[in-house]
């Protein structure tokens, strides 16, 4: 059975252009692109807001030629559905983190598989909602799929890169759903204040990671979540207990994990795109996860981590957002909203 196709066949997209610095107005351009035929499980979403993540920066930097439709986090409204869609109907408000193997969300209309989509929290406007999907999935999978933590889990969790998007939601989830003591890395007064406001029990300076962590937890930490692995493996070997676990989300060029062997430390990789990249049989778990996070937001358990909203979902708005994220000093999440009011 073929999927019903939307009445319109093209949409406006905002494309990254290779070989341009972010201070070049031509780093992003506006283009008319063809809307792909909807697959049976696809939704066609009118995008109201997107957020910019490190994966957007890495993907743009990796471009050697041509243009690419980036963007993965999105919040919007369903305009059309594929023939096999069961979880959503037209006009539903949705949020999701997309699929890195398909065109991104930096467009007016975007096609996405319903199984990796959740119902948007009713208490959030689209910009605040767009800040959360990718980071919430990454944090959730790190804590509960990689570390396999439960409400009975105790010990100490060190969050390296805590003021960033993933760290900001991971702190909240760890404090709400486990018995762990959370240590966050932060250096500036404003980032220290941010992570404490999210629930961190202690803060250490990432520039003096080994000494400050050992002073705080002489016996060693049980879990390390890291967004910054390069150059830190030796420090991790020194500040962890034997049989500790580490989950990393970054993409270091090379990583020597041998210093971890003496303590039999487990190293996990977390990539929230794995399910959609390989069309795993449990893809629906990401949609279910986002529905659960929406409930947690709506009941006040979890708060949005948006800190900056750039008005105007267009080439210039996206360029400005990329500049902020690429600087590496952002707290929380940077969002680009279609509406300028």
C-alpha atoms as a PDB file:
ATOM      1  CA  UNK A   1       0.000   0.000   0.000  1.00  0.00           C
ATOM      2  CA  UNK A   2       1.424   3.381  -0.996  1.00  0.00           C
ATOM      3  CA  UNK A   3       1.424   6.354   1.355  1.00  0.00           C
ATOM      4  CA  UNK A   4      -0.862   9.307   0.614  1.00  0.00           C
ATOM      5  CA  UNK A   5       1.266  12.228  -0.481  1.00  0.00           C
ATOM      6  CA  UNK A   6       0.875  15.854   0.639  1.00  0.00           C
ATOM      7  CA  UNK A   7      -0.782  18.371  -1.648  1.00  0.00           C
ATOM      8  CA  UNK A   8       2.436  20.394  -1.920  1.00  0.00           C
ATOM      9  CA  UNK A   9       5.548  18.893  -3.504  1.00  0.00           C
ATOM     10  CA  UNK A  10       8.210  21.431  -2.529  1.00  0.00           C
ATOM     11  CA  UNK A  11       9.238  23.367   0.553  1.00  0.00           C
ATOM     12  CA  UNK A  12      11.697  26.062   1.555  1.00  0.00           C
ATOM     13  CA  UNK A  13      14.869  24.762   3.187  1.00  0.00           C
ATOM     14  CA  UNK A  14      17.873  26.500   4.704  1.00  0.00           C
ATOM     15  CA  UNK A  15      21.054  24.828   3.552  1.00  0.00           C
ATOM     16  CA  UNK A  16      24.583  24.914   4.924  1.00  0.00           C
ATOM     17  CA  UNK A  17      27.100  25.740   2.212  1.00  0.00           C
ATOM     18  CA  UNK A  18      30.538  24.134   2.268  1.00  0.00           C
ATOM     19  CA  UNK A  19      33.696  26.207   2.337  1.00  0.00           C
ATOM     20  CA  UNK A  20      32.186  29.211   4.120  1.00  0.00           C
ATOM     21  CA  UNK A  21      33.161  30.558   7.522  1.00  0.00           C
ATOM     22  CA  UNK A  22      30.314  31.328   9.891  1.00  0.00           C
ATOM     23  CA  UNK A  23      30.983  35.060   9.661  1.00  0.00           C
ATOM     24  CA  UNK A  24      30.213  34.799   5.926  1.00  0.00           C
ATOM     25  CA  UNK A  25      26.535  35.607   5.185  1.00  0.00           C
ATOM     26  CA  UNK A  26      26.676  32.858   2.565  1.00  0.00           C
ATOM     27  CA  UNK A  27      27.341  30.119   5.139  1.00  0.00           C
ATOM     28  CA  UNK A  28      23.630  29.289   4.887  1.00  0.00           C
ATOM     29  CA  UNK A  29      21.352  29.868   1.922  1.00  0.00           C
ATOM     30  CA  UNK A  30      17.637  29.607   1.193  1.00  0.00           C
ATOM     31  CA  UNK A  31      16.543  27.023  -1.373  1.00  0.00           C
ATOM     32  CA  UNK A  32      13.418  25.322  -2.684  1.00  0.00           C
ATOM     33  CA  UNK A  33      13.683  21.553  -2.258  1.00  0.00           C
ATOM     34  CA  UNK A  34      11.449  18.624  -3.168  1.00  0.00           C
ATOM     35  CA  UNK A  35       9.491  17.038  -0.338  1.00  0.00           C
ATOM     36  CA  UNK A  36      10.372  13.329  -0.362  1.00  0.00           C
ATOM     37  CA  UNK A  37       7.630  10.791  -0.937  1.00  0.00           C
ATOM     38  CA  UNK A  38       6.256   9.875   2.460  1.00  0.00           C
ATOM     39  CA  UNK A  39       7.209   6.406   3.620  1.00  0.00           C
ATOM     40  CA  UNK A  40       4.451   4.363   5.294  1.00  0.00           C
ATOM     41  CA  UNK A  41       5.509   5.420   8.819  1.00  0.00           C
ATOM     42  CA  UNK A  42       6.361   9.031   7.922  1.00  0.00           C
ATOM     43  CA  UNK A  43       4.893  12.226   9.244  1.00  0.00           C
ATOM     44  CA  UNK A  44       5.162  15.482   7.321  1.00  0.00           C
ATOM     45  CA  UNK A  45       5.745  18.156   9.959  1.00  0.00           C
ATOM     46  CA  UNK A  46       5.531  21.936   9.662  1.00  0.00           C
ATOM     47  CA  UNK A  47       8.562  22.951  11.672  1.00  0.00           C
ATOM     48  CA  UNK A  48       8.036  25.757  14.188  1.00  0.00           C
ATOM     49  CA  UNK A  49      11.396  25.670  15.966  1.00  0.00           C
ATOM     50  CA  UNK A  50      14.723  23.839  15.823  1.00  0.00           C
ATOM     51  CA  UNK A  51      17.751  23.743  18.080  1.00  0.00           C
ATOM     52  CA  UNK A  52      21.392  23.581  17.085  1.00  0.00           C
ATOM     53  CA  UNK A  53      23.510  20.788  18.558  1.00  0.00           C
ATOM     54  CA  UNK A  54      27.226  19.934  18.346  1.00  0.00           C
ATOM     55  CA  UNK A  55      26.300  17.324  15.712  1.00  0.00           C
ATOM     56  CA  UNK A  56      25.142  20.190  13.472  1.00  0.00           C
ATOM     57  CA  UNK A  57      28.505  21.907  13.889  1.00  0.00           C
ATOM     58  CA  UNK A  58      30.442  18.696  13.219  1.00  0.00           C
ATOM     59  CA  UNK A  59      28.329  17.895  10.172  1.00  0.00           C
ATOM     60  CA  UNK A  60      28.809  21.360   8.684  1.00  0.00           C
ATOM     61  CA  UNK A  61      32.552  21.303   9.372  1.00  0.00           C
ATOM     62  CA  UNK A  62      32.829  17.919   7.636  1.00  0.00           C
ATOM     63  CA  UNK A  63      31.302  19.197   4.390  1.00  0.00           C
ATOM     64  CA  UNK A  64      33.880  19.348   1.591  1.00  0.00           C
ATOM     65  CA  UNK A  65      31.622  20.622  -1.176  1.00  0.00           C
ATOM     66  CA  UNK A  66      28.042  21.499  -2.056  1.00  0.00           C
ATOM     67  CA  UNK A  67      25.184  22.122   0.344  1.00  0.00           C
ATOM     68  CA  UNK A  68      23.413  20.122   3.035  1.00  0.00           C
ATOM     69  CA  UNK A  69      20.107  20.391   4.884  1.00  0.00           C
ATOM     70  CA  UNK A  70      21.180  20.133   8.512  1.00  0.00           C
ATOM     71  CA  UNK A  71      19.132  20.171  11.719  1.00  0.00           C
ATOM     72  CA  UNK A  72      17.774  17.349  13.863  1.00  0.00           C
ATOM     73  CA  UNK A  73      15.926  18.714  16.885  1.00  0.00           C
ATOM     74  CA  UNK A  74      12.494  20.055  15.971  1.00  0.00           C
ATOM     75  CA  UNK A  75       9.089  20.962  17.330  1.00  0.00           C
ATOM     76  CA  UNK A  76       6.141  21.417  15.021  1.00  0.00           C
ATOM     77  CA  UNK A  77       2.707  20.361  13.805  1.00  0.00           C
ATOM     78  CA  UNK A  78       1.760  17.331  11.685  1.00  0.00           C
ATOM     79  CA  UNK A  79       0.468  18.259   8.220  1.00  0.00           C
ATOM     80  CA  UNK A  80       0.244  14.811   6.587  1.00  0.00           C
ATOM     81  CA  UNK A  81       0.760  11.165   7.569  1.00  0.00           C
ATOM     82  CA  UNK A  82       1.914   8.005   5.818  1.00  0.00           C
ATOM     83  CA  UNK A  83      -0.334   5.009   5.214  1.00  0.00           C
ATOM     84  CA  UNK A  84       0.927   2.996   8.214  1.00  0.00           C
ATOM     85  CA  UNK A  85       0.981   5.794  10.800  1.00  0.00           C
ATOM     86  CA  UNK A  86      -0.930   4.917  13.973  1.00  0.00           C
ATOM     87  CA  UNK A  87       0.418   7.208  16.705  1.00  0.00           C
ATOM     88  CA  UNK A  88      -0.395  10.618  15.240  1.00  0.00           C
ATOM     89  CA  UNK A  89      -2.975  12.491  13.231  1.00  0.00           C
ATOM     90  CA  UNK A  90      -2.943  15.740  11.278  1.00  0.00           C
ATOM     91  CA  UNK A  91      -2.644  18.837  13.525  1.00  0.00           C
ATOM     92  CA  UNK A  92      -0.923  16.952  16.368  1.00  0.00           C
ATOM     93  CA  UNK A  93       1.910  18.901  17.969  1.00  0.00           C
ATOM     94  CA  UNK A  94       5.101  16.846  17.955  1.00  0.00           C
ATOM     95  CA  UNK A  95       8.778  16.960  18.903  1.00  0.00           C
ATOM     96  CA  UNK A  96      11.683  14.798  17.795  1.00  0.00           C
ATOM     97  CA  UNK A  97      15.423  14.551  17.103  1.00  0.00           C
ATOM     98  CA  UNK A  98      15.287  13.203  13.563  1.00  0.00           C
ATOM     99  CA  UNK A  99      17.434  10.781  11.605  1.00  0.00           C
ATOM    100  CA  UNK A 100      20.975  11.660  10.566  1.00  0.00           C
ATOM    101  CA  UNK A 101      20.630   9.577   7.376  1.00  0.00           C
ATOM    102  CA  UNK A 102      17.796  11.782   6.051  1.00  0.00           C
ATOM    103  CA  UNK A 103      17.500  15.510   5.259  1.00  0.00           C
ATOM    104  CA  UNK A 104      17.501  17.596   8.425  1.00  0.00           C
ATOM    105  CA  UNK A 105      14.876  19.771  10.056  1.00  0.00           C
ATOM    106  CA  UNK A 106      16.127  23.135   8.761  1.00  0.00           C
ATOM    107  CA  UNK A 107      13.124  23.543   6.467  1.00  0.00           C
ATOM    108  CA  UNK A 108       9.523  24.660   6.547  1.00  0.00           C
ATOM    109  CA  UNK A 109       8.236  21.094   6.034  1.00  0.00           C
ATOM    110  CA  UNK A 110      10.079  17.973   7.161  1.00  0.00           C
ATOM    111  CA  UNK A 111       9.456  14.209   6.798  1.00  0.00           C
ATOM    112  CA  UNK A 112      10.260  11.968   9.776  1.00  0.00           C
ATOM    113  CA  UNK A 113       9.436   8.431  10.896  1.00  0.00           C
ATOM    114  CA  UNK A 114       6.677   8.451  13.533  1.00  0.00           C
ATOM    115  CA  UNK A 115       8.498   5.833  15.594  1.00  0.00           C
ATOM    116  CA  UNK A 116      11.150   8.354  16.665  1.00  0.00           C
ATOM    117  CA  UNK A 117       8.617  11.146  17.310  1.00  0.00           C
ATOM    118  CA  UNK A 118       6.875  12.106  20.549  1.00  0.00           C
ATOM    119  CA  UNK A 119       3.866  14.219  21.437  1.00  0.00           C
ATOM    120  CA  UNK A 120       5.077  17.686  22.388  1.00  0.00           C
ATOM    121  CA  UNK A 121       4.670  18.702  26.042  1.00  0.00           C
ATOM    122  CA  UNK A 122       1.469  20.710  26.344  1.00  0.00           C
ATOM    123  CA  UNK A 123       3.046  23.131  28.806  1.00  0.00           C
ATOM    124  CA  UNK A 124       5.853  24.221  26.457  1.00  0.00           C
ATOM    125  CA  UNK A 125       5.781  26.494  23.454  1.00  0.00           C
ATOM    126  CA  UNK A 126       7.619  25.209  20.389  1.00  0.00           C
ATOM    127  CA  UNK A 127      10.967  26.956  21.076  1.00  0.00           C
ATOM    128  CA  UNK A 128      11.265  25.539  24.597  1.00  0.00           C
ATOM    129  CA  UNK A 129      10.237  22.104  23.317  1.00  0.00           C
ATOM    130  CA  UNK A 130      12.749  22.111  20.445  1.00  0.00           C
ATOM    131  CA  UNK A 131      15.596  22.387  22.963  1.00  0.00           C
ATOM    132  CA  UNK A 132      15.032  18.943  24.451  1.00  0.00           C
ATOM    133  CA  UNK A 133      14.573  15.908  22.143  1.00  0.00           C
ATOM    134  CA  UNK A 134      18.139  15.046  21.094  1.00  0.00           C
ATOM    135  CA  UNK A 135      19.627  15.821  24.492  1.00  0.00           C
ATOM    136  CA  UNK A 136      16.842  14.096  26.409  1.00  0.00           C
ATOM    137  CA  UNK A 137      17.202  10.910  24.361  1.00  0.00           C
ATOM    138  CA  UNK A 138      20.990  10.973  24.733  1.00  0.00           C
ATOM    139  CA  UNK A 139      20.828  11.550  28.480  1.00  0.00           C
ATOM    140  CA  UNK A 140      18.106   8.932  29.011  1.00  0.00           C
ATOM    141  CA  UNK A 141      19.892   6.259  26.992  1.00  0.00           C
ATOM    142  CA  UNK A 142      23.193   7.029  28.750  1.00  0.00           C
ATOM    143  CA  UNK A 143      21.741   6.673  32.223  1.00  0.00           C
ATOM    144  CA  UNK A 144      19.223   3.884  31.779  1.00  0.00           C
ATOM    145  CA  UNK A 145      20.404   1.895  28.733  1.00  0.00           C
ATOM    146  CA  UNK A 146      24.208   2.196  28.980  1.00  0.00           C
ATOM    147  CA  UNK A 147      24.707   2.454  32.777  1.00  0.00           C
ATOM    148  CA  UNK A 148      21.443   0.556  33.460  1.00  0.00           C
ATOM    149  CA  UNK A 149      20.706   2.750  36.470  1.00  0.00           C
ATOM    150  CA  UNK A 150      17.542   2.375  38.509  1.00  0.00           C
ATOM    151  CA  UNK A 151      15.835   4.102  41.416  1.00  0.00           C
ATOM    152  CA  UNK A 152      17.951   1.918  43.718  1.00  0.00           C
ATOM    153  CA  UNK A 153      21.273   2.949  42.161  1.00  0.00           C
ATOM    154  CA  UNK A 154      23.665   4.749  44.507  1.00  0.00           C
ATOM    155  CA  UNK A 155      27.201   6.050  44.290  1.00  0.00           C
ATOM    156  CA  UNK A 156      28.690   9.018  42.483  1.00  0.00           C
ATOM    157  CA  UNK A 157      28.207  10.254  38.923  1.00  0.00           C
ATOM    158  CA  UNK A 158      30.634  12.742  37.382  1.00  0.00           C
ATOM    159  CA  UNK A 159      29.171  14.746  34.485  1.00  0.00           C
ATOM    160  CA  UNK A 160      31.910  16.182  32.254  1.00  0.00           C
ATOM    161  CA  UNK A 161      30.515  18.961  30.084  1.00  0.00           C
ATOM    162  CA  UNK A 162      27.629  19.476  32.476  1.00  0.00           C
ATOM    163  CA  UNK A 163      26.560  22.991  31.362  1.00  0.00           C
ATOM    164  CA  UNK A 164      25.926  21.798  27.796  1.00  0.00           C
ATOM    165  CA  UNK A 165      22.671  20.541  26.365  1.00  0.00           C
ATOM    166  CA  UNK A 166      23.016  16.859  27.264  1.00  0.00           C
ATOM    167  CA  UNK A 167      24.581  17.517  30.658  1.00  0.00           C
ATOM    168  CA  UNK A 168      21.790  19.941  31.515  1.00  0.00           C
ATOM    169  CA  UNK A 169      19.070  17.330  31.091  1.00  0.00           C
ATOM    170  CA  UNK A 170      21.175  14.405  32.372  1.00  0.00           C
ATOM    171  CA  UNK A 171      21.674  16.108  35.744  1.00  0.00           C
ATOM    172  CA  UNK A 172      17.917  16.501  36.129  1.00  0.00           C
ATOM    173  CA  UNK A 173      17.161  12.893  35.203  1.00  0.00           C
ATOM    174  CA  UNK A 174      19.896  11.484  37.450  1.00  0.00           C
ATOM    175  CA  UNK A 175      18.666  13.449  40.458  1.00  0.00           C
ATOM    176  CA  UNK A 176      14.995  12.593  39.878  1.00  0.00           C
ATOM    177  CA  UNK A 177      15.287   8.901  39.073  1.00  0.00           C
ATOM    178  CA  UNK A 178      18.389   7.537  40.836  1.00  0.00           C
ATOM    179  CA  UNK A 179      20.025   7.763  44.225  1.00  0.00           C
ATOM    180  CA  UNK A 180      23.316   9.030  42.788  1.00  0.00           C
ATOM    181  CA  UNK A 181      25.324  11.972  44.032  1.00  0.00           C
ATOM    182  CA  UNK A 182      25.981  14.159  40.982  1.00  0.00           C
ATOM    183  CA  UNK A 183      29.240  16.039  40.474  1.00  0.00           C
ATOM    184  CA  UNK A 184      29.174  18.509  37.575  1.00  0.00           C
ATOM    185  CA  UNK A 185      32.119  20.112  35.817  1.00  0.00           C
ATOM    186  CA  UNK A 186      31.915  23.874  35.318  1.00  0.00           C
ATOM    187  CA  UNK A 187      34.393  26.714  35.498  1.00  0.00           C
ATOM    188  CA  UNK A 188      32.696  30.087  35.023  1.00  0.00           C
ATOM    189  CA  UNK A 189      30.440  31.530  37.752  1.00  0.00           C
ATOM    190  CA  UNK A 190      27.443  31.464  35.413  1.00  0.00           C
ATOM    191  CA  UNK A 191      27.950  27.821  34.420  1.00  0.00           C
ATOM    192  CA  UNK A 192      28.461  26.780  38.041  1.00  0.00           C
ATOM    193  CA  UNK A 193      25.223  28.538  38.993  1.00  0.00           C
ATOM    194  CA  UNK A 194      23.427  26.839  36.063  1.00  0.00           C
ATOM    195  CA  UNK A 195      24.382  23.266  36.965  1.00  0.00           C
ATOM    196  CA  UNK A 196      23.561  23.796  40.640  1.00  0.00           C
ATOM    197  CA  UNK A 197      20.141  25.135  39.651  1.00  0.00           C
ATOM    198  CA  UNK A 198      19.555  21.866  37.767  1.00  0.00           C
ATOM    199  CA  UNK A 199      20.335  19.777  40.848  1.00  0.00           C
ATOM    200  CA  UNK A 200      24.085  19.081  40.842  1.00  0.00           C
ATOM    201  CA  UNK A 201      25.287  18.233  44.356  1.00  0.00           C
ATOM    202  CA  UNK A 202      28.879  19.379  43.777  1.00  0.00           C
ATOM    203  CA  UNK A 203      30.827  21.291  41.128  1.00  0.00           C
ATOM    204  CA  UNK A 204      34.454  20.810  40.069  1.00  0.00           C
ATOM    205  CA  UNK A 205      36.520  22.799  37.581  1.00  0.00           C
ATOM    206  CA  UNK A 206      37.232  20.771  34.444  1.00  0.00           C
ATOM    207  CA  UNK A 207      40.602  22.535  34.189  1.00  0.00           C
ATOM    208  CA  UNK A 208      41.641  20.871  37.447  1.00  0.00           C
ATOM    209  CA  UNK A 209      39.555  17.736  37.083  1.00  0.00           C
ATOM    210  CA  UNK A 210      41.755  15.116  38.750  1.00  0.00           C
ATOM    211  CA  UNK A 211      42.711  17.041  41.868  1.00  0.00           C
ATOM    212  CA  UNK A 212      39.309  18.553  42.608  1.00  0.00           C
ATOM    213  CA  UNK A 213      37.450  15.284  42.014  1.00  0.00           C
ATOM    214  CA  UNK A 214      39.867  13.288  44.156  1.00  0.00           C
ATOM    215  CA  UNK A 215      39.592  15.874  46.934  1.00  0.00           C
ATOM    216  CA  UNK A 216      35.822  15.517  46.805  1.00  0.00           C
ATOM    217  CA  UNK A 217      35.629  11.729  46.350  1.00  0.00           C
ATOM    218  CA  UNK A 218      38.934  10.167  47.503  1.00  0.00           C
ATOM    219  CA  UNK A 219      37.584   6.648  47.012  1.00  0.00           C
ATOM    220  CA  UNK A 220      36.753   7.377  43.353  1.00  0.00           C
ATOM    221  CA  UNK A 221      33.565   7.895  41.348  1.00  0.00           C
ATOM    222  CA  UNK A 222      31.336   5.074  40.134  1.00  0.00           C
ATOM    223  CA  UNK A 223      30.116   6.561  36.846  1.00  0.00           C
ATOM    224  CA  UNK A 224      31.446   9.147  34.409  1.00  0.00           C
ATOM    225  CA  UNK A 225      29.390  10.721  31.655  1.00  0.00           C
ATOM    226  CA  UNK A 226      31.602  12.685  29.283  1.00  0.00           C
ATOM    227  CA  UNK A 227      31.085  15.024  26.359  1.00  0.00           C
ATOM    228  CA  UNK A 228      34.849  15.704  26.324  1.00  0.00           C
ATOM    229  CA  UNK A 229      36.932  12.522  26.183  1.00  0.00           C
ATOM    230  CA  UNK A 230      40.005  13.721  24.300  1.00  0.00           C
ATOM    231  CA  UNK A 231      42.873  14.273  26.714  1.00  0.00           C
ATOM    232  CA  UNK A 232      40.878  13.036  29.717  1.00  0.00           C
ATOM    233  CA  UNK A 233      41.304   9.245  29.666  1.00  0.00           C
ATOM    234  CA  UNK A 234      44.237   9.291  32.096  1.00  0.00           C
ATOM    235  CA  UNK A 235      42.267  11.558  34.438  1.00  0.00           C
ATOM    236  CA  UNK A 236      39.297   9.178  34.234  1.00  0.00           C
ATOM    237  CA  UNK A 237      41.582   6.257  35.128  1.00  0.00           C
ATOM    238  CA  UNK A 238      42.753   8.115  38.229  1.00  0.00           C
ATOM    239  CA  UNK A 239      39.409   9.410  39.541  1.00  0.00           C
ATOM    240  CA  UNK A 240      37.272   6.282  39.085  1.00  0.00           C
ATOM    241  CA  UNK A 241      36.798   3.247  41.312  1.00  0.00           C
ATOM    242  CA  UNK A 242      37.681  -0.220  40.083  1.00  0.00           C
ATOM    243  CA  UNK A 243      34.859  -1.566  37.876  1.00  0.00           C
ATOM    244  CA  UNK A 244      33.526   1.945  37.230  1.00  0.00           C
ATOM    245  CA  UNK A 245      31.644   2.755  34.033  1.00  0.00           C
ATOM    246  CA  UNK A 246      32.112   5.584  31.544  1.00  0.00           C
ATOM    247  CA  UNK A 247      29.737   6.706  28.787  1.00  0.00           C
ATOM    248  CA  UNK A 248      31.049   9.055  26.087  1.00  0.00           C
ATOM    249  CA  UNK A 249      29.136  10.974  23.422  1.00  0.00           C
ATOM    250  CA  UNK A 250      31.914  12.906  21.667  1.00  0.00           C
ATOM    251  CA  UNK A 251      33.985  12.062  18.583  1.00  0.00           C
ATOM    252  CA  UNK A 252      37.687  12.243  19.463  1.00  0.00           C
ATOM    253  CA  UNK A 253      40.075  11.680  16.559  1.00  0.00           C
ATOM    254  CA  UNK A 254      41.896   8.966  18.514  1.00  0.00           C
ATOM    255  CA  UNK A 255      41.478   7.513  21.972  1.00  0.00           C
ATOM    256  CA  UNK A 256      43.829   5.253  23.912  1.00  0.00           C
ATOM    257  CA  UNK A 257      41.731   3.449  26.529  1.00  0.00           C
ATOM    258  CA  UNK A 258      44.550   1.258  27.886  1.00  0.00           C
ATOM    259  CA  UNK A 259      44.904   3.331  31.097  1.00  0.00           C
ATOM    260  CA  UNK A 260      41.425   2.051  32.067  1.00  0.00           C
ATOM    261  CA  UNK A 261      42.364  -1.631  31.918  1.00  0.00           C
ATOM    262  CA  UNK A 262      43.963  -1.979  35.375  1.00  0.00           C
ATOM    263  CA  UNK A 263      40.689  -1.049  37.066  1.00  0.00           C
ATOM    264  CA  UNK A 264      38.560  -3.101  34.605  1.00  0.00           C
ATOM    265  CA  UNK A 265      36.609   0.035  33.717  1.00  0.00           C
ATOM    266  CA  UNK A 266      33.784  -0.328  31.212  1.00  0.00           C
ATOM    267  CA  UNK A 267      33.624   2.190  28.341  1.00  0.00           C
ATOM    268  CA  UNK A 268      30.277   2.778  26.612  1.00  0.00           C
ATOM    269  CA  UNK A 269      29.517   4.794  23.495  1.00  0.00           C
ATOM    270  CA  UNK A 270      26.171   6.542  23.215  1.00  0.00           C
ATOM    271  CA  UNK A 271      24.754   7.725  19.879  1.00  0.00           C
ATOM    272  CA  UNK A 272      21.054   8.465  19.888  1.00  0.00           C
ATOM    273  CA  UNK A 273      20.927   8.104  16.095  1.00  0.00           C
ATOM    274  CA  UNK A 274      21.819   4.394  16.210  1.00  0.00           C
ATOM    275  CA  UNK A 275      18.225   3.183  16.263  1.00  0.00           C
ATOM    276  CA  UNK A 276      17.152   5.232  13.240  1.00  0.00           C
ATOM    277  CA  UNK A 277      20.422   4.674  11.323  1.00  0.00           C
ATOM    278  CA  UNK A 278      19.991   0.916  11.471  1.00  0.00           C
ATOM    279  CA  UNK A 279      16.172   0.768  11.591  1.00  0.00           C
ATOM    280  CA  UNK A 280      16.386  -1.377  14.706  1.00  0.00           C
ATOM    281  CA  UNK A 281      13.397  -3.424  15.760  1.00  0.00           C
ATOM    282  CA  UNK A 282      12.962  -1.205  18.826  1.00  0.00           C
ATOM    283  CA  UNK A 283      12.906   2.178  17.057  1.00  0.00           C
ATOM    284  CA  UNK A 284       9.576   2.877  18.737  1.00  0.00           C
ATOM    285  CA  UNK A 285      11.399   3.140  22.071  1.00  0.00           C
ATOM    286  CA  UNK A 286      12.593   6.626  21.139  1.00  0.00           C
ATOM    287  CA  UNK A 287       9.046   7.755  20.472  1.00  0.00           C
ATOM    288  CA  UNK A 288       7.947   6.218  23.767  1.00  0.00           C
ATOM    289  CA  UNK A 289      10.874   7.869  25.526  1.00  0.00           C
ATOM    290  CA  UNK A 290       9.918  11.303  24.185  1.00  0.00           C
ATOM    291  CA  UNK A 291       6.320  10.779  25.293  1.00  0.00           C
ATOM    292  CA  UNK A 292       7.590   9.958  28.789  1.00  0.00           C
ATOM    293  CA  UNK A 293       9.819  13.033  28.880  1.00  0.00           C
ATOM    294  CA  UNK A 294       6.838  15.129  27.767  1.00  0.00           C
ATOM    295  CA  UNK A 295       4.889  13.826  30.755  1.00  0.00           C
ATOM    296  CA  UNK A 296       7.812  14.673  33.035  1.00  0.00           C
ATOM    297  CA  UNK A 297       7.924  18.199  31.637  1.00  0.00           C
ATOM    298  CA  UNK A 298       4.188  18.670  31.984  1.00  0.00           C
ATOM    299  CA  UNK A 299       4.164  17.546  35.616  1.00  0.00           C
ATOM    300  CA  UNK A 300       7.093  19.818  36.480  1.00  0.00           C
ATOM    301  CA  UNK A 301       9.667  17.075  37.046  1.00  0.00           C
ATOM    302  CA  UNK A 302      11.915  18.193  34.163  1.00  0.00           C
ATOM    303  CA  UNK A 303      12.407  21.697  32.816  1.00  0.00           C
ATOM    304  CA  UNK A 304      13.450  22.870  29.373  1.00  0.00           C
ATOM    305  CA  UNK A 305      17.132  23.688  28.992  1.00  0.00           C
ATOM    306  CA  UNK A 306      16.641  26.465  26.425  1.00  0.00           C
ATOM    307  CA  UNK A 307      18.693  29.544  27.265  1.00  0.00           C
ATOM    308  CA  UNK A 308      18.704  31.494  23.971  1.00  0.00           C
ATOM    309  CA  UNK A 309      15.950  31.812  21.343  1.00  0.00           C
ATOM    310  CA  UNK A 310      16.884  33.374  18.011  1.00  0.00           C
ATOM    311  CA  UNK A 311      13.823  34.717  16.177  1.00  0.00           C
ATOM    312  CA  UNK A 312      13.507  33.818  12.519  1.00  0.00           C
ATOM    313  CA  UNK A 313      13.875  30.232  11.287  1.00  0.00           C
ATOM    314  CA  UNK A 314      15.833  31.190   8.184  1.00  0.00           C
ATOM    315  CA  UNK A 315      19.374  31.215   6.837  1.00  0.00           C
ATOM    316  CA  UNK A 316      20.482  34.167   8.948  1.00  0.00           C
ATOM    317  CA  UNK A 317      18.927  32.824  12.153  1.00  0.00           C
ATOM    318  CA  UNK A 318      20.628  29.467  11.675  1.00  0.00           C
ATOM    319  CA  UNK A 319      23.978  31.096  10.961  1.00  0.00           C
ATOM    320  CA  UNK A 320      23.707  33.088  14.195  1.00  0.00           C
ATOM    321  CA  UNK A 321      22.821  29.943  16.160  1.00  0.00           C
ATOM    322  CA  UNK A 322      25.747  28.021  14.668  1.00  0.00           C
ATOM    323  CA  UNK A 323      28.091  30.831  15.647  1.00  0.00           C
ATOM    324  CA  UNK A 324      26.951  30.623  19.272  1.00  0.00           C
ATOM    325  CA  UNK A 325      27.240  26.840  19.490  1.00  0.00           C
ATOM    326  CA  UNK A 326      30.559  26.706  17.619  1.00  0.00           C
ATOM    327  CA  UNK A 327      32.068  29.128  20.141  1.00  0.00           C
ATOM    328  CA  UNK A 328      31.894  26.320  22.714  1.00  0.00           C
ATOM    329  CA  UNK A 329      30.793  28.525  25.613  1.00  0.00           C
ATOM    330  CA  UNK A 330      27.014  28.120  25.373  1.00  0.00           C
ATOM    331  CA  UNK A 331      25.015  27.208  28.470  1.00  0.00           C
ATOM    332  CA  UNK A 332      22.001  24.966  27.853  1.00  0.00           C
ATOM    333  CA  UNK A 333      20.485  25.031  24.369  1.00  0.00           C
ATOM    334  CA  UNK A 334      20.340  27.506  21.483  1.00  0.00           C
ATOM    335  CA  UNK A 335      17.007  27.499  19.621  1.00  0.00           C
ATOM    336  CA  UNK A 336      15.873  29.099  16.363  1.00  0.00           C
ATOM    337  CA  UNK A 337      12.134  29.895  16.263  1.00  0.00           C
ATOM    338  CA  UNK A 338       9.985  30.509  13.197  1.00  0.00           C
ATOM    339  CA  UNK A 339       8.047  33.249  14.946  1.00  0.00           C
ATOM    340  CA  UNK A 340       9.702  36.602  15.536  1.00  0.00           C
ATOM    341  CA  UNK A 341       7.433  37.806  18.330  1.00  0.00           C
END
